[in-house]
Amino acid sequence: MKAVHFGAGNIGRGFVGLLLNQSGYDVTFVDVVDNLIDQLKATDSYVVHEVGDHPRTHVVRGHRAAHSIKEPEVVIAAIAEADVITTAVGVTILPRIAGLIAQGLAARPAGAPKAAVIACENAINGTDVLHAAVAENYPGDDLDAKAVFPNCAIDRIVPNQASDAGLAVTVENYFEWAVESKPFNGNLPPIEGVHWVDDLEPYIERKLFTVNTGHATAAYHGFAAGISKLSDALADPAIHAKVAAVLAETSALVVAKHGIDPEVQAAYVAKILVRFANPDLPDTTERVGRSPLRKLSRNDRFISPASQLAERGMGRAALVETVGAALLFNAQGDPEAAGMQEMLLAMSADEFVSTVTGLEPAHPLYGDIVSVVQAWQG
């Protein structure tokens, strides 16, 4: 079995590529970073260190690597033979790799089994974005005969790595990879660790509104308090209480919207808080909080749950307070953080809220967010 994975960074090597390798796939990593591709080509193995309650080390052997810009013909040939094609590049990058994927799928022999194309991105329905971009670039009318495009939800904390780590990756030992099963019509590809589900939306929103929302909440309140290490932020009783309050609000939403058992959700939240506080993960508030404009957008981890709670007439005060904390995020080296500060100075509160969050004045959350922006500007 063969797989092609776009994005040979920490998540690609330490999560998706690892599971594909453990499932028996010959994995070809595709990236645009020269040094990374050179390192992958120069060695036949790398290690993944799992840290947490049950630490262990995995060795990934037999991988290949190709540069998507310098070696497009190699990438196209690999896709033409692949059983599974995955990505971990960021949802905004998906349209840039869609052309190569389209050419590779078009080159697949007639009658070959359909390839599974799965975008493992930190976004809702990321594979739909990739599917649409591939369809725009596909040179024919038989794309549906060449591939299936299931959406998925991924969850694994992969922090910044030590500067001398090389290809080695340190990850937490918890993970979840939920993938839609319906597009396969019963012909599921054998991938170790995948949780096949009929309805993905509850898993996507539960993960986004618990893991991503909680993680960023700890980062923004921690950064505002002058705390660098994320586990130290969670150890602060005041910050821990703020994170718990936010997760109580988002839990109320997923329970009401998706019918998740409250006790099951409470156990999920408890596990998440333990994961965030793992001192073996060298994560920082600066890294987790980066790209605040994206995190404050309409369909992301704060505005989406807060807006849905507002529409249902449910409490969202802790989420709104955290939006206020996010406005204070001015970490050096983050262009979005700098851009946000410039926008806050140049725009009125109404202009900022409309531009960044996408909320309309008539929305019941709009006034709440305008108020926290005005507080920053005041």
Protein backbone atom coordinates (compact mmCIF):
# COMPACT_ATOMS: atom_id res chain seq x y z
CA MET A 1 0.00 0.00 0.00
CA LYS A 2 1.18 3.52 -0.79
CA ALA A 3 0.42 6.95 0.62
CA VAL A 4 1.37 10.52 -0.23
CA HIS A 5 1.35 13.12 2.52
CA PHE A 6 1.60 16.86 1.83
CA GLY A 7 3.26 18.74 4.68
CA ALA A 8 6.32 17.10 6.24
CA GLY A 9 6.26 19.28 9.35
CA ASN A 10 5.77 18.13 12.92
CA ILE A 11 2.13 17.11 12.50
CA GLY A 12 2.87 15.39 9.21
CA ARG A 13 5.76 13.35 10.59
CA GLY A 14 4.54 12.97 14.16
CA PHE A 15 0.86 12.20 13.60
CA VAL A 16 -0.50 11.44 10.12
CA GLY A 17 2.70 10.04 8.62
CA LEU A 18 3.33 7.95 11.73
CA LEU A 19 -0.11 6.32 11.63
CA LEU A 20 0.10 5.67 7.90
CA ASN A 21 3.51 4.06 8.36
CA GLN A 22 2.22 1.93 11.23
CA SER A 23 -0.68 0.84 9.00
CA GLY A 24 1.74 -0.59 6.42
CA TYR A 25 1.80 2.25 3.88
CA ASP A 26 4.93 3.33 2.03
CA VAL A 27 4.74 7.06 2.72
CA THR A 28 6.05 9.78 0.40
CA PHE A 29 6.32 13.13 2.17
CA VAL A 30 5.84 16.22 0.00
CA ASP A 31 6.92 19.70 1.05
CA VAL A 32 8.49 22.94 -0.22
CA VAL A 33 11.12 23.36 2.50
CA ASP A 34 14.47 22.45 0.94
CA ASN A 35 16.25 21.55 4.16
CA LEU A 36 13.40 19.36 5.36
CA ILE A 37 13.16 17.43 2.11
CA ASP A 38 16.96 17.03 2.02
CA GLN A 39 16.97 15.61 5.55
CA LEU A 40 14.17 13.16 4.76
CA LYS A 41 16.00 11.98 1.65
CA ALA A 42 19.27 11.60 3.53
CA THR A 43 17.95 9.13 6.12
CA ASP A 44 15.78 6.04 6.01
CA SER A 45 14.19 6.59 9.43
CA TYR A 46 13.22 9.12 12.09
CA VAL A 47 11.76 8.83 15.59
CA VAL A 48 8.54 10.03 17.21
CA HIS A 49 8.58 10.44 20.99
CA GLU A 50 5.23 10.16 22.76
CA VAL A 51 5.17 11.87 26.17
CA GLY A 52 2.58 11.67 28.91
CA ASP A 53 1.28 8.90 31.16
CA HIS A 54 2.78 6.13 29.04
CA PRO A 55 5.81 7.50 27.17
CA ARG A 56 7.20 5.52 24.27
CA THR A 57 9.23 5.99 21.11
CA HIS A 58 8.30 4.95 17.56
CA VAL A 59 10.65 4.57 14.62
CA VAL A 60 9.30 5.48 11.18
CA ARG A 61 11.21 3.63 8.45
CA GLY A 62 11.11 3.43 4.69
CA HIS A 63 9.68 6.85 3.88
CA ARG A 64 10.35 8.80 0.69
CA ALA A 65 10.35 12.54 0.07
CA ALA A 66 9.76 14.89 -2.86
CA HIS A 67 9.85 18.65 -3.37
CA SER A 68 6.51 19.81 -4.75
CA ILE A 69 7.99 22.73 -6.71
CA LYS A 70 11.29 21.21 -7.86
CA GLU A 71 10.05 17.65 -8.44
CA PRO A 72 6.42 17.91 -9.58
CA GLU A 73 6.73 14.88 -11.84
CA VAL A 74 7.80 12.74 -8.87
CA VAL A 75 4.82 13.94 -6.85
CA ILE A 76 2.37 13.33 -9.72
CA ALA A 77 3.71 9.82 -10.24
CA ALA A 78 3.43 9.04 -6.54
CA ILE A 79 -0.19 10.24 -6.42
CA ALA A 80 -1.02 8.17 -9.49
CA GLU A 81 -0.05 5.04 -7.52
CA ALA A 82 -1.24 6.06 -4.05
CA ASP A 83 -4.07 4.48 -2.12
CA VAL A 84 -4.27 7.39 0.33
CA ILE A 85 -3.39 11.08 -0.10
CA THR A 86 -3.36 13.24 3.03
CA THR A 87 -2.45 16.82 3.89
CA ALA A 88 -1.33 18.83 6.92
CA VAL A 89 -0.35 22.14 5.35
CA GLY A 90 -2.94 24.61 6.64
CA VAL A 91 -6.33 25.11 5.03
CA THR A 92 -5.23 28.29 3.21
CA ILE A 93 -2.48 26.35 1.42
CA LEU A 94 -4.80 23.65 0.07
CA PRO A 95 -5.61 25.51 -3.19
CA ARG A 96 -1.87 25.77 -3.90
CA ILE A 97 -1.37 21.99 -3.87
CA ALA A 98 -4.65 21.18 -5.60
CA GLY A 99 -3.12 21.36 -9.09
CA LEU A 100 -0.57 18.65 -8.36
CA ILE A 101 -3.18 16.45 -6.75
CA ALA A 102 -5.48 16.93 -9.74
CA GLN A 103 -2.72 15.93 -12.17
CA GLY A 104 -1.80 12.92 -10.09
CA LEU A 105 -5.39 11.71 -9.86
CA ALA A 106 -5.88 12.22 -13.59
CA ALA A 107 -2.82 10.02 -14.21
CA ARG A 108 -4.29 7.09 -12.28
CA PRO A 109 -5.01 4.08 -14.52
CA ALA A 110 -8.59 3.55 -15.61
CA GLY A 111 -10.30 1.08 -13.31
CA ALA A 112 -7.83 1.56 -10.46
CA PRO A 113 -9.37 1.66 -6.97
CA LYS A 114 -10.39 5.11 -5.85
CA ALA A 115 -7.80 6.98 -3.83
CA ALA A 116 -8.80 8.40 -0.45
CA VAL A 117 -7.99 12.11 -0.30
CA ILE A 118 -8.16 13.43 3.27
CA ALA A 119 -7.26 16.97 4.37
CA CYS A 120 -6.07 16.66 7.97
CA GLU A 121 -6.34 20.36 8.73
CA ASN A 122 -7.35 22.30 11.81
CA ALA A 123 -10.52 23.52 10.13
CA ILE A 124 -14.14 22.51 9.70
CA ASN A 125 -14.65 20.45 6.51
CA GLY A 126 -11.14 21.08 5.21
CA THR A 127 -11.44 18.24 2.69
CA ASP A 128 -14.38 20.04 1.06
CA VAL A 129 -12.07 23.00 0.45
CA LEU A 130 -9.47 20.72 -1.10
CA HIS A 131 -12.07 18.84 -3.17
CA ALA A 132 -13.39 22.07 -4.68
CA ALA A 133 -9.88 23.25 -5.54
CA VAL A 134 -8.92 19.89 -7.09
CA ALA A 135 -12.13 19.89 -9.14
CA GLU A 136 -11.25 23.34 -10.53
CA ASN A 137 -7.87 22.02 -11.67
CA TYR A 138 -8.90 18.55 -12.83
CA PRO A 139 -8.46 17.99 -16.59
CA GLY A 140 -11.49 15.80 -17.20
CA ASP A 141 -14.92 14.78 -16.01
CA ASP A 142 -14.13 11.54 -14.18
CA LEU A 143 -12.78 12.88 -10.87
CA ASP A 144 -15.45 11.01 -8.90
CA ALA A 145 -14.21 7.76 -10.45
CA LYS A 146 -10.64 8.46 -9.35
CA ALA A 147 -10.99 9.50 -5.71
CA VAL A 148 -13.20 9.99 -2.67
CA PHE A 149 -12.90 13.07 -0.46
CA PRO A 150 -14.00 12.43 3.15
CA ASN A 151 -13.80 15.15 5.77
CA CYS A 152 -12.06 14.46 9.04
CA ALA A 153 -11.33 15.87 12.49
CA ILE A 154 -7.86 15.53 13.99
CA ASP A 155 -6.68 16.04 17.54
CA ARG A 156 -3.12 15.72 18.79
CA ILE A 157 -0.97 18.28 20.55
CA VAL A 158 2.32 18.66 18.72
CA PRO A 159 4.30 21.53 20.30
CA ASN A 160 7.26 23.42 18.93
CA GLN A 161 10.28 21.15 18.81
CA ALA A 162 13.76 21.66 20.21
CA SER A 163 16.07 23.49 17.81
CA ASP A 164 18.40 20.48 17.65
CA ALA A 165 15.66 17.86 17.23
CA GLY A 166 16.28 17.30 13.53
CA LEU A 167 13.57 15.04 12.13
CA ALA A 168 12.62 13.68 15.56
CA VAL A 169 9.18 14.78 16.78
CA THR A 170 7.78 14.94 20.31
CA VAL A 171 4.00 14.55 20.62
CA GLU A 172 1.49 13.82 23.35
CA ASN A 173 0.39 10.18 23.58
CA TYR A 174 -3.31 11.04 23.10
CA PHE A 175 -4.78 11.44 19.62
CA GLU A 176 -8.07 11.26 17.77
CA TRP A 177 -8.56 11.00 14.00
CA ALA A 178 -12.24 10.82 13.08
CA VAL A 179 -13.03 10.34 9.37
CA GLU A 180 -16.33 10.23 7.48
CA SER A 181 -17.18 6.68 6.43
CA LYS A 182 -20.10 7.30 4.06
CA PRO A 183 -18.06 8.39 1.00
CA PHE A 184 -16.36 4.96 0.94
CA ASN A 185 -19.55 2.88 0.57
CA GLY A 186 -18.11 0.22 2.84
CA ASN A 187 -14.63 0.08 1.24
CA LEU A 188 -12.71 1.67 4.09
CA PRO A 189 -8.94 1.96 3.69
CA PRO A 190 -7.00 0.21 6.46
CA ILE A 191 -5.55 3.05 8.55
CA GLU A 192 -4.54 2.32 12.12
CA GLY A 193 -6.07 4.61 14.72
CA VAL A 194 -8.83 6.10 12.56
CA HIS A 195 -12.29 6.37 14.08
CA TRP A 196 -14.77 5.96 11.22
CA VAL A 197 -18.03 7.88 11.78
CA ASP A 198 -21.28 8.34 9.87
CA ASP A 199 -21.81 11.94 11.02
CA LEU A 200 -18.65 13.99 11.49
CA GLU A 201 -20.12 17.33 12.57
CA PRO A 202 -20.46 16.47 16.29
CA TYR A 203 -16.82 15.34 16.38
CA ILE A 204 -15.59 18.41 14.51
CA GLU A 205 -17.43 20.91 16.69
CA ARG A 206 -16.74 19.06 19.95
CA LYS A 207 -13.03 19.03 19.16
CA LEU A 208 -12.87 22.61 17.85
CA PHE A 209 -14.92 24.08 20.69
CA THR A 210 -13.18 22.08 23.41
CA VAL A 211 -9.56 21.46 22.39
CA ASN A 212 -8.92 24.48 20.17
CA THR A 213 -11.05 26.92 22.16
CA GLY A 214 -9.63 25.75 25.47
CA HIS A 215 -6.05 25.71 24.23
CA ALA A 216 -6.26 29.27 22.89
CA THR A 217 -8.08 30.45 26.02
CA ALA A 218 -5.18 29.26 28.19
CA ALA A 219 -2.74 30.92 25.78
CA TYR A 220 -4.39 34.34 25.69
CA HIS A 221 -5.05 34.61 29.42
CA GLY A 222 -1.58 33.20 30.12
CA PHE A 223 0.09 35.66 27.76
CA ALA A 224 -1.84 38.55 29.29
CA ALA A 225 -0.56 37.44 32.69
CA GLY A 226 3.04 37.35 31.45
CA ILE A 227 3.31 33.54 31.51
CA SER A 228 5.26 31.86 28.73
CA LYS A 229 4.88 28.10 29.27
CA LEU A 230 1.37 26.83 28.66
CA SER A 231 1.47 24.24 31.44
CA ASP A 232 2.45 27.03 33.86
CA ALA A 233 -0.57 29.03 32.71
CA LEU A 234 -2.86 26.08 33.46
CA ALA A 235 -1.23 25.72 36.88
CA ASP A 236 -2.33 29.25 37.74
CA PRO A 237 -5.69 28.89 39.60
CA ALA A 238 -7.16 32.06 38.10
CA ILE A 239 -6.33 31.07 34.53
CA HIS A 240 -7.44 27.49 35.09
CA ALA A 241 -10.79 28.84 36.29
CA LYS A 242 -11.14 30.99 33.16
CA VAL A 243 -10.44 28.01 30.91
CA ALA A 244 -12.91 25.87 32.84
CA ALA A 245 -15.57 28.60 32.53
CA VAL A 246 -15.09 28.79 28.76
CA LEU A 247 -15.30 25.01 28.41
CA ALA A 248 -18.45 24.96 30.52
CA GLU A 249 -20.05 27.29 27.97
CA THR A 250 -18.87 25.37 24.92
CA SER A 251 -19.88 22.08 26.57
CA ALA A 252 -23.38 23.43 27.10
CA LEU A 253 -23.51 24.19 23.37
CA VAL A 254 -22.34 20.77 22.09
CA VAL A 255 -24.63 18.98 24.54
CA ALA A 256 -27.64 21.06 23.44
CA LYS A 257 -26.83 21.00 19.73
CA HIS A 258 -25.55 17.47 19.19
CA GLY A 259 -27.16 15.54 22.03
CA ILE A 260 -23.83 14.45 23.49
CA ASP A 261 -24.22 12.90 26.93
CA PRO A 262 -23.29 15.57 29.51
CA GLU A 263 -21.23 13.05 31.51
CA VAL A 264 -19.34 11.99 28.38
CA GLN A 265 -18.60 15.63 27.56
CA ALA A 266 -17.53 16.34 31.14
CA ALA A 267 -15.07 13.43 30.99
CA TYR A 268 -13.78 14.73 27.65
CA VAL A 269 -13.19 18.19 29.14
CA ALA A 270 -11.43 16.70 32.17
CA LYS A 271 -9.10 14.78 29.86
CA ILE A 272 -8.44 17.89 27.80
CA LEU A 273 -7.43 19.90 30.86
CA VAL A 274 -4.98 17.19 31.89
CA ARG A 275 -3.49 17.20 28.38
CA PHE A 276 -3.06 20.98 28.37
CA ALA A 277 -1.27 20.87 31.72
CA ASN A 278 1.21 18.17 30.62
CA PRO A 279 4.61 19.55 31.73
CA ASP A 280 6.38 17.22 29.29
CA LEU A 281 5.00 19.23 26.35
CA PRO A 282 7.18 22.33 25.95
CA ASP A 283 4.37 24.44 24.51
CA THR A 284 4.17 28.21 24.94
CA THR A 285 1.42 30.78 25.11
CA GLU A 286 3.16 32.62 22.28
CA ARG A 287 2.95 29.63 19.92
CA VAL A 288 -0.60 28.57 20.79
CA GLY A 289 -1.89 32.14 20.61
CA ARG A 290 -0.34 33.02 17.25
CA SER A 291 -2.56 34.07 14.32
CA PRO A 292 -5.18 35.82 16.49
CA LEU A 293 -7.08 37.27 13.53
CA ARG A 294 -7.76 33.78 12.20
CA LYS A 295 -8.75 32.58 15.65
CA LEU A 296 -11.22 35.48 15.97
CA SER A 297 -12.84 34.85 12.59
CA ARG A 298 -16.51 33.99 12.15
CA ASN A 299 -16.25 30.20 11.96
CA ASP A 300 -13.36 29.62 14.33
CA ARG A 301 -12.97 28.69 18.00
CA PHE A 302 -14.38 31.75 19.76
CA ILE A 303 -16.89 33.59 17.59
CA SER A 304 -18.54 30.44 16.26
CA PRO A 305 -19.49 28.91 19.64
CA ALA A 306 -20.21 32.31 21.21
CA SER A 307 -22.50 33.27 18.32
CA GLN A 308 -24.38 29.98 18.50
CA LEU A 309 -24.80 30.37 22.25
CA ALA A 310 -26.07 33.92 21.75
CA GLU A 311 -28.55 32.72 19.13
CA ARG A 312 -29.86 30.16 21.63
CA GLY A 313 -30.04 32.71 24.43
CA MET A 314 -27.35 30.85 26.39
CA GLY A 315 -24.47 32.21 28.46
CA ARG A 316 -21.25 33.24 26.68
CA ALA A 317 -19.64 35.69 29.13
CA ALA A 318 -16.43 33.67 29.55
CA LEU A 319 -15.96 33.39 25.78
CA VAL A 320 -16.52 37.13 25.36
CA GLU A 321 -13.99 37.84 28.13
CA THR A 322 -11.46 35.63 26.33
CA VAL A 323 -11.97 37.58 23.11
CA GLY A 324 -10.94 40.61 25.14
CA ALA A 325 -7.81 38.75 26.27
CA ALA A 326 -7.03 37.82 22.67
CA LEU A 327 -7.02 41.51 21.73
CA LEU A 328 -4.06 41.96 24.12
CA PHE A 329 -1.97 39.37 22.26
CA ASN A 330 1.00 41.20 20.76
CA ALA A 331 3.68 38.50 20.63
CA GLN A 332 6.77 39.55 18.72
CA GLY A 333 7.35 37.72 15.47
CA ASP A 334 3.65 37.14 14.77
CA PRO A 335 2.56 39.25 11.76
CA GLU A 336 -1.12 38.70 12.55
CA ALA A 337 -0.67 39.92 16.11
CA ALA A 338 1.03 43.07 14.84
CA GLY A 339 -1.64 43.53 12.18
CA MET A 340 -4.40 43.16 14.75
CA GLN A 341 -2.88 45.86 16.95
CA GLU A 342 -2.69 48.19 13.95
CA MET A 343 -6.32 47.50 13.06
CA LEU A 344 -7.43 48.17 16.63
CA LEU A 345 -5.73 51.57 16.48
CA ALA A 346 -6.94 52.50 13.00
CA MET A 347 -10.53 51.22 12.99
CA SER A 348 -13.63 52.00 14.97
CA ALA A 349 -14.91 49.21 17.19
CA ASP A 350 -17.75 48.52 14.76
CA GLU A 351 -15.38 48.38 11.79
CA PHE A 352 -13.02 46.02 13.60
CA VAL A 353 -15.80 43.65 14.68
CA SER A 354 -17.36 43.55 11.23
CA THR A 355 -14.02 43.06 9.47
CA VAL A 356 -12.42 40.52 11.79
CA THR A 357 -15.34 38.52 13.18
CA GLY A 358 -17.80 38.76 10.30
CA LEU A 359 -20.63 39.45 12.73
CA GLU A 360 -23.44 41.70 11.55
CA PRO A 361 -24.86 44.48 13.76
CA ALA A 362 -28.17 42.66 14.14
CA HIS A 363 -26.54 39.53 15.58
CA PRO A 364 -27.09 39.05 19.34
CA LEU A 365 -23.33 38.63 19.92
CA TYR A 366 -22.33 41.77 18.03
CA GLY A 367 -22.80 44.21 20.91
CA ASP A 368 -20.84 42.01 23.30
CA ILE A 369 -17.80 41.96 21.03
CA VAL A 370 -18.04 45.67 20.21
CA SER A 371 -17.93 46.34 23.95
CA VAL A 372 -14.67 44.44 24.50
CA VAL A 373 -13.09 46.19 21.52
CA GLN A 374 -14.18 49.55 22.90
CA ALA A 375 -12.65 48.57 26.25
CA TRP A 376 -9.32 47.90 24.54
CA GLN A 377 -9.50 51.17 22.63
CA GLY A 378 -10.51 53.09 25.73
